[in-house]
Protein backbone atom coordinates (compact mmCIF):
# COMPACT_ATOMS: atom_id res chain seq x y z
CA MET A 1 8.25 -24.93 74.69
CA MET A 2 11.30 -25.30 72.54
CA ASP A 3 11.42 -28.17 70.03
CA LYS A 4 14.30 -30.58 70.16
CA THR A 5 16.82 -29.69 67.48
CA ILE A 6 19.56 -32.17 67.84
CA LEU A 7 19.26 -35.96 66.80
CA CYS A 8 21.70 -38.12 68.97
CA VAL A 9 22.09 -41.72 67.66
CA ILE A 10 23.65 -44.38 69.89
CA LEU A 11 24.84 -47.69 68.31
CA HIS A 12 24.02 -50.43 70.68
CA TYR A 13 26.04 -53.73 70.06
CA GLY A 14 26.02 -56.31 72.84
CA ASN A 15 26.57 -54.42 76.50
CA GLU A 16 23.25 -52.97 77.69
CA ASP A 17 24.81 -51.35 80.78
CA VAL A 18 27.18 -49.51 78.42
CA THR A 19 24.38 -48.17 76.05
CA TRP A 20 22.26 -47.18 79.28
CA GLU A 21 25.10 -45.51 81.12
CA CYS A 22 25.67 -43.50 77.61
CA VAL A 23 21.96 -42.43 77.71
CA GLU A 24 22.04 -41.64 81.25
CA SER A 25 25.07 -39.24 80.58
CA ILE A 26 22.90 -37.10 77.93
CA ILE A 27 19.37 -37.59 79.07
CA ASP A 28 19.10 -34.20 80.99
CA HIS A 29 19.96 -32.27 77.62
CA ASN A 30 16.62 -30.82 76.76
CA LEU A 31 17.62 -30.19 73.12
CA LEU A 32 18.38 -33.86 72.30
CA ASP A 33 16.17 -36.49 70.73
CA ILE A 34 17.62 -39.76 71.47
CA LEU A 35 17.57 -42.59 69.34
CA ILE A 36 19.57 -45.98 69.86
CA ALA A 37 20.31 -48.09 66.98
CA ASP A 38 20.00 -51.80 68.15
CA ASN A 39 22.64 -53.30 65.95
CA ASP A 40 23.03 -56.32 68.35
CA PRO A 41 22.00 -59.65 66.46
CA LYS A 42 19.83 -60.81 69.40
CA GLN A 43 17.66 -57.67 69.24
CA GLU A 44 16.89 -57.96 72.99
CA LEU A 45 17.35 -54.44 73.93
CA THR A 46 14.10 -52.73 75.62
CA ILE A 47 13.64 -49.33 77.02
CA PRO A 48 13.85 -49.20 80.89
CA GLN A 49 10.69 -47.69 82.68
CA ASP A 50 12.54 -44.58 83.39
CA TYR A 51 13.39 -43.74 79.69
CA ILE A 52 10.16 -44.66 78.15
CA GLY A 53 8.78 -41.48 76.11
CA LYS A 54 12.47 -40.10 76.25
CA VAL A 55 14.27 -42.74 74.17
CA LYS A 56 13.34 -44.50 71.03
CA ILE A 57 15.03 -47.84 69.62
CA PHE A 58 15.50 -48.56 66.05
CA LYS A 59 15.86 -52.17 65.38
CA THR A 60 18.86 -52.53 62.86
CA GLY A 61 20.39 -55.85 63.36
CA GLY A 62 19.43 -59.45 63.33
CA THR A 63 16.29 -60.14 61.53
CA ALA A 64 15.12 -56.45 61.44
CA GLY A 65 16.94 -55.87 58.34
CA LEU A 66 16.28 -53.54 55.54
CA HIS A 67 12.70 -53.66 55.42
CA ALA A 68 12.17 -52.58 59.04
CA GLN A 69 14.54 -49.62 58.39
CA ILE A 70 12.46 -48.48 55.30
CA ILE A 71 9.11 -48.71 57.12
CA TRP A 72 10.47 -46.97 60.13
CA LEU A 73 12.09 -43.99 57.79
CA LEU A 74 8.60 -43.73 55.95
CA SER A 75 6.94 -43.45 59.33
CA LEU A 76 9.01 -40.33 60.39
CA HIS A 77 7.32 -36.91 60.39
CA VAL A 78 10.30 -35.32 58.44
CA ASN A 79 10.97 -34.86 54.73
CA ILE A 80 13.33 -37.43 53.35
CA VAL A 81 15.27 -36.15 50.34
CA THR A 82 17.27 -39.31 49.74
CA ILE A 83 17.81 -42.68 51.22
CA ARG A 84 21.02 -44.50 50.09
CA TYR A 85 22.13 -48.01 50.90
CA PHE A 86 25.71 -49.03 49.98
CA PHE A 87 26.38 -52.69 49.52
């Protein structure tokens, strides 16, 4: 089995239909890991049953903030050389 080699990040902000249409258009590409950055302040996006295990959501908007992002990055199974935040 071949490892997935390309990380595809989709920025979600507001329209769930558009976000899931985008996912649907690329879901069959076997080399893609799909990550949705939920930048909507409401933070209500959830993964439909058909996509569980195929798509991950990273909460970046609303109250998720910097703390949640750092915790998520530390949980990755990859080597992180530098994390920079520009304010």
